[in-house]
């Protein structure tokens, strides 16, 4: 949407031929008229509180017209990009969409994915361990979705990547391995019903859990302080600063700080 991006691209060495088909427009609310056989997307991650009231109203109206759903107002811009990307696929077109895991975990997620998986074919979901993160310098939990504009199916492939290797990833998606034990992506064939129930960002589950963390603790996803460096301390930092334990509340800032799987 910002013409200055083209100037930056040109100053970085791209020529007129490289930029010939680039359009300056709002992809969600003012999309191209044509459909695409392939879309590869790393959408803008803009949290809902950074969107204007006018923009949120327009996005909400678009989502309701496109899906018949009322998307919760706490959804970020990347959620609406996903809906528009699917709507922009030509028949038999395919989408590769990398996004943060909260698109599977927000209050809007269950109804959104029920809608997607009843109209499109979910081919694969790829998750990444911290050491394999495609964004190594960003504290985020990325998930890659592979979706086709084809009739839905009852199963999909789910991968857990433990090394940053495109070759390993592509061979695993084909159901093969490269013979590197410990580094291979782990592949599951999951049913759609189980994936929707458990969540696409989580490891597969074969049975309904007897207990959930919420049965024993008040749970929030991460922490929001406004200044984590100031408010969120390790025990060692607190002792060094002389903060009495009576003034502290134990907290887990992010799930990756917990070793092993969180079932």
Protein backbone atom coordinates (compact mmCIF):
# COMPACT_ATOMS: atom_id res chain seq x y z
CA UNK A 1 0.00 0.00 0.00
CA UNK A 2 3.06 2.27 0.38
CA UNK A 3 4.64 3.48 -2.90
CA UNK A 4 7.89 4.11 -1.01
CA UNK A 5 8.41 0.34 -0.92
CA UNK A 6 8.91 0.34 -4.70
CA UNK A 7 11.52 3.06 -4.37
CA UNK A 8 13.34 0.97 -1.77
CA UNK A 9 13.15 -2.05 -4.06
CA UNK A 10 14.65 -0.09 -6.93
CA UNK A 11 17.43 1.30 -4.74
CA UNK A 12 18.20 -2.31 -3.73
CA UNK A 13 18.81 -3.26 -7.35
CA UNK A 14 15.46 -4.42 -8.72
CA UNK A 15 14.63 -3.13 -12.18
CA UNK A 16 11.46 -2.20 -14.04
CA UNK A 17 11.06 -5.76 -15.34
CA UNK A 18 11.19 -7.15 -11.79
CA UNK A 19 8.49 -4.76 -10.61
CA UNK A 20 6.32 -4.76 -13.74
CA UNK A 21 3.44 -6.71 -12.15
CA UNK A 22 3.59 -5.18 -8.67
CA UNK A 23 0.43 -3.31 -7.72
CA UNK A 24 -0.05 -0.72 -4.99
CA UNK A 25 -3.39 -1.59 -3.43
CA UNK A 26 -5.15 -2.92 -0.35
CA UNK A 27 -5.17 -6.68 -0.99
CA UNK A 28 -7.97 -7.44 1.47
CA UNK A 29 -10.42 -4.62 0.76
CA UNK A 30 -9.40 -3.77 -2.83
CA UNK A 31 -8.15 -7.06 -4.30
CA UNK A 32 -7.09 -7.78 -7.89
CA UNK A 33 -9.96 -8.93 -10.08
CA UNK A 34 -8.11 -11.98 -11.38
CA UNK A 35 -7.71 -15.30 -9.59
CA UNK A 36 -4.39 -17.05 -8.98
CA UNK A 37 -3.26 -20.64 -9.45
CA UNK A 38 -0.65 -20.22 -6.72
CA UNK A 39 -0.29 -17.84 -3.78
CA UNK A 40 2.69 -17.78 -1.42
CA UNK A 41 2.04 -15.44 1.48
CA UNK A 42 3.90 -14.09 4.49
CA UNK A 43 1.13 -11.69 5.49
CA UNK A 44 1.52 -8.52 7.57
CA UNK A 45 1.19 -9.27 11.26
CA UNK A 46 -0.69 -6.27 12.64
CA UNK A 47 -2.43 -6.79 15.98
CA UNK A 48 -6.02 -5.64 16.33
CA UNK A 49 -5.22 -2.77 18.71
CA UNK A 50 -3.04 -1.18 16.02
CA UNK A 51 -5.93 -1.08 13.53
CA UNK A 52 -8.19 1.95 13.42
CA UNK A 53 -11.85 1.55 14.32
CA UNK A 54 -12.76 2.31 10.72
CA UNK A 55 -10.39 -0.35 9.39
CA UNK A 56 -11.66 -2.97 11.85
CA UNK A 57 -15.26 -2.27 10.85
CA UNK A 58 -14.43 -2.62 7.15
CA UNK A 59 -12.47 -5.85 7.71
CA UNK A 60 -15.25 -7.30 9.85
CA UNK A 61 -17.85 -6.49 7.19
CA UNK A 62 -15.70 -8.13 4.51
CA UNK A 63 -15.17 -11.29 6.59
CA UNK A 64 -18.88 -11.62 7.31
CA UNK A 65 -19.75 -11.21 3.62
CA UNK A 66 -17.10 -13.73 2.58
CA UNK A 67 -17.65 -16.40 5.24
CA UNK A 68 -20.97 -15.69 6.92
CA UNK A 69 -19.05 -15.56 10.22
CA UNK A 70 -18.58 -12.76 12.68
CA UNK A 71 -14.82 -12.74 13.26
CA UNK A 72 -13.96 -11.63 16.80
CA UNK A 73 -12.66 -8.06 16.96
CA UNK A 74 -9.39 -9.28 18.51
CA UNK A 75 -8.33 -10.94 15.24
CA UNK A 76 -5.26 -9.43 13.61
CA UNK A 77 -4.89 -8.38 9.98
CA UNK A 78 -3.29 -11.74 9.06
CA UNK A 79 -6.63 -13.49 9.68
CA UNK A 80 -8.36 -11.37 7.05
CA UNK A 81 -5.43 -11.87 4.65
CA UNK A 82 -6.02 -15.62 4.92
CA UNK A 83 -9.70 -15.28 4.05
CA UNK A 84 -8.90 -13.05 1.06
CA UNK A 85 -6.09 -15.34 -0.10
CA UNK A 86 -8.46 -18.30 -0.18
CA UNK A 87 -11.08 -16.27 -2.03
CA UNK A 88 -8.41 -15.27 -4.59
CA UNK A 89 -7.49 -18.85 -5.52
CA UNK A 90 -8.51 -20.08 -8.95
CA UNK A 91 -10.06 -23.56 -9.23
CA UNK A 92 -7.34 -26.10 -8.34
CA UNK A 93 -5.18 -23.23 -7.07
CA UNK A 94 -2.87 -23.74 -4.09
CA UNK A 95 -1.93 -21.53 -1.16
CA UNK A 96 1.20 -21.64 1.03
CA UNK A 97 0.57 -19.39 4.02
CA UNK A 98 3.07 -18.84 6.84
CA UNK A 99 1.63 -17.17 9.89
CA UNK A 100 1.81 -17.06 13.69
CA UNK A 101 0.20 -19.89 15.63
CA UNK A 102 -2.38 -17.63 17.23
CA UNK A 103 -4.45 -18.05 14.07
CA UNK A 104 -5.14 -21.58 15.39
CA UNK A 105 -5.67 -20.56 19.01
CA UNK A 106 -7.67 -17.31 19.13
CA UNK A 107 -11.31 -17.16 20.17
CA UNK A 108 -12.25 -16.99 16.48
CA UNK A 109 -10.14 -20.01 15.46
CA UNK A 110 -12.58 -22.92 15.83
CA UNK A 111 -15.34 -21.48 13.64
CA UNK A 112 -12.84 -20.06 11.14
CA UNK A 113 -11.10 -23.40 10.56
CA UNK A 114 -14.40 -25.28 10.46
CA UNK A 115 -15.41 -22.95 7.64
CA UNK A 116 -12.07 -23.30 5.79
CA UNK A 117 -11.90 -27.09 6.05
CA UNK A 118 -15.48 -27.53 4.89
CA UNK A 119 -14.77 -25.61 1.66
CA UNK A 120 -11.10 -26.17 0.84
CA UNK A 121 -8.63 -29.06 1.02
CA UNK A 122 -6.09 -28.75 3.80
CA UNK A 123 -3.06 -30.60 2.42
CA UNK A 124 -0.54 -29.97 5.17
CA UNK A 125 0.41 -28.11 8.33
CA UNK A 126 4.07 -27.51 9.22
CA UNK A 127 5.18 -26.49 12.71
CA UNK A 128 8.70 -25.58 13.83
CA UNK A 129 10.70 -26.18 17.01
CA UNK A 130 12.58 -23.07 18.29
CA UNK A 131 15.88 -24.16 16.71
CA UNK A 132 14.17 -24.58 13.33
CA UNK A 133 12.19 -21.32 13.40
CA UNK A 134 12.02 -19.66 9.96
CA UNK A 135 12.23 -16.32 11.84
CA UNK A 136 15.21 -16.98 14.15
CA UNK A 137 15.49 -13.40 15.41
CA UNK A 138 11.78 -12.98 16.16
CA UNK A 139 10.11 -14.37 19.27
CA UNK A 140 7.21 -16.07 17.56
CA UNK A 141 5.72 -19.48 16.88
CA UNK A 142 5.30 -19.87 13.12
CA UNK A 143 3.01 -22.34 11.33
CA UNK A 144 2.89 -23.04 7.60
CA UNK A 145 -0.45 -24.00 6.01
CA UNK A 146 -0.76 -25.69 2.61
CA UNK A 147 -4.31 -25.37 1.28
CA UNK A 148 -5.81 -26.14 -2.14
CA UNK A 149 -9.00 -24.94 -3.81
CA UNK A 150 -10.16 -28.52 -4.11
CA UNK A 151 -12.94 -30.54 -2.44
CA UNK A 152 -12.25 -31.10 1.28
CA UNK A 153 -10.72 -34.37 2.45
CA UNK A 154 -10.83 -36.26 5.73
CA UNK A 155 -7.06 -36.38 6.40
CA UNK A 156 -4.04 -34.09 6.16
CA UNK A 157 -0.27 -34.24 6.76
CA UNK A 158 1.15 -32.60 9.89
CA UNK A 159 4.89 -32.03 10.25
CA UNK A 160 7.09 -30.98 13.15
CA UNK A 161 10.40 -29.57 11.87
CA UNK A 162 13.52 -29.67 14.04
CA UNK A 163 16.09 -28.32 11.60
CA UNK A 164 16.10 -25.33 9.27
CA UNK A 165 16.36 -27.29 6.03
CA UNK A 166 14.16 -26.77 2.99
CA UNK A 167 15.36 -30.09 1.56
CA UNK A 168 14.27 -32.01 4.66
CA UNK A 169 10.93 -30.22 4.66
CA UNK A 170 10.13 -30.91 1.01
CA UNK A 171 11.07 -34.58 1.18
CA UNK A 172 9.01 -35.01 4.36
CA UNK A 173 5.98 -33.49 2.62
CA UNK A 174 6.42 -36.20 -0.01
CA UNK A 175 6.42 -38.82 2.76
CA UNK A 176 10.17 -39.53 2.52
CA UNK A 177 13.22 -39.01 4.74
CA UNK A 178 16.85 -38.16 4.07
CA UNK A 179 18.38 -40.52 6.59
CA UNK A 180 19.45 -38.00 9.25
CA UNK A 181 18.00 -39.35 12.52
CA UNK A 182 17.22 -36.63 15.04
CA UNK A 183 16.98 -33.92 12.40
CA UNK A 184 14.22 -35.30 10.23
CA UNK A 185 10.82 -33.59 10.31
CA UNK A 186 8.33 -35.80 12.14
CA UNK A 187 5.31 -36.60 9.98
CA UNK A 188 1.82 -37.59 11.08
CA UNK A 189 -1.20 -38.42 8.98
CA UNK A 190 -4.04 -36.85 10.97
CA UNK A 191 -7.78 -36.93 10.54
CA UNK A 192 -9.50 -33.61 10.03
CA UNK A 193 -11.85 -34.26 12.95
CA UNK A 194 -8.93 -34.82 15.34
CA UNK A 195 -6.98 -31.83 14.01
CA UNK A 196 -9.91 -29.48 14.42
CA UNK A 197 -10.55 -30.79 17.92
CA UNK A 198 -6.94 -30.73 19.15
CA UNK A 199 -5.77 -27.66 17.21
CA UNK A 200 -3.49 -27.48 14.18
CA UNK A 201 -0.60 -25.89 16.10
CA UNK A 202 -0.56 -28.74 18.66
CA UNK A 203 0.75 -32.28 18.50
CA UNK A 204 -1.88 -34.88 17.55
CA UNK A 205 -3.93 -36.42 20.31
CA UNK A 206 -5.60 -39.83 20.16
CA UNK A 207 -7.85 -39.37 23.17
CA UNK A 208 -9.74 -36.65 24.99
CA UNK A 209 -7.58 -35.42 27.90
CA UNK A 210 -8.97 -36.15 31.35
CA UNK A 211 -7.70 -32.84 32.71
CA UNK A 212 -6.74 -29.48 31.28
CA UNK A 213 -4.36 -26.89 32.69
CA UNK A 214 -7.36 -24.65 33.33
CA UNK A 215 -8.64 -27.21 35.87
CA UNK A 216 -5.72 -26.34 38.13
CA UNK A 217 -4.59 -22.83 37.23
CA UNK A 218 -5.72 -19.52 35.82
CA UNK A 219 -4.27 -19.48 32.33
CA UNK A 220 -3.39 -16.59 30.05
CA UNK A 221 -1.53 -16.87 26.77
CA UNK A 222 1.76 -15.11 27.44
CA UNK A 223 2.09 -11.92 29.46
CA UNK A 224 1.26 -8.33 28.58
CA UNK A 225 2.90 -5.73 30.82
CA UNK A 226 3.71 -2.85 28.49
CA UNK A 227 7.38 -3.24 29.44
CA UNK A 228 8.42 -6.84 29.99
CA UNK A 229 12.06 -5.89 30.59
CA UNK A 230 10.93 -3.87 33.61
CA UNK A 231 8.17 -6.06 35.06
CA UNK A 232 9.14 -9.61 34.08
CA UNK A 233 12.24 -10.87 35.94
CA UNK A 234 13.93 -14.17 36.61
CA UNK A 235 14.43 -15.17 40.24
CA UNK A 236 18.12 -14.32 39.93
CA UNK A 237 17.37 -10.85 38.57
CA UNK A 238 14.87 -10.21 41.35
CA UNK A 239 17.39 -11.19 44.04
CA UNK A 240 20.05 -8.97 42.48
CA UNK A 241 17.62 -6.03 42.52
CA UNK A 242 16.56 -6.75 46.10
CA UNK A 243 12.89 -7.35 45.27
CA UNK A 244 11.22 -9.39 48.06
CA UNK A 245 9.50 -12.57 46.92
CA UNK A 246 6.28 -11.31 48.55
CA UNK A 247 6.06 -8.70 45.78
CA UNK A 248 6.40 -11.25 42.97
CA UNK A 249 3.96 -13.51 41.16
CA UNK A 250 5.27 -16.61 39.40
CA UNK A 251 4.63 -16.55 35.66
CA UNK A 252 5.53 -18.31 32.43
CA UNK A 253 6.17 -15.66 29.82
CA UNK A 254 6.00 -17.96 26.81
CA UNK A 255 5.37 -21.66 26.24
CA UNK A 256 8.83 -22.26 24.75
CA UNK A 257 10.32 -21.54 28.20
CA UNK A 258 8.82 -24.86 29.37
CA UNK A 259 11.02 -27.78 28.41
CA UNK A 260 9.33 -30.73 26.71
CA UNK A 261 5.80 -30.90 25.36
CA UNK A 262 2.88 -29.17 27.00
CA UNK A 263 -0.04 -31.61 26.72
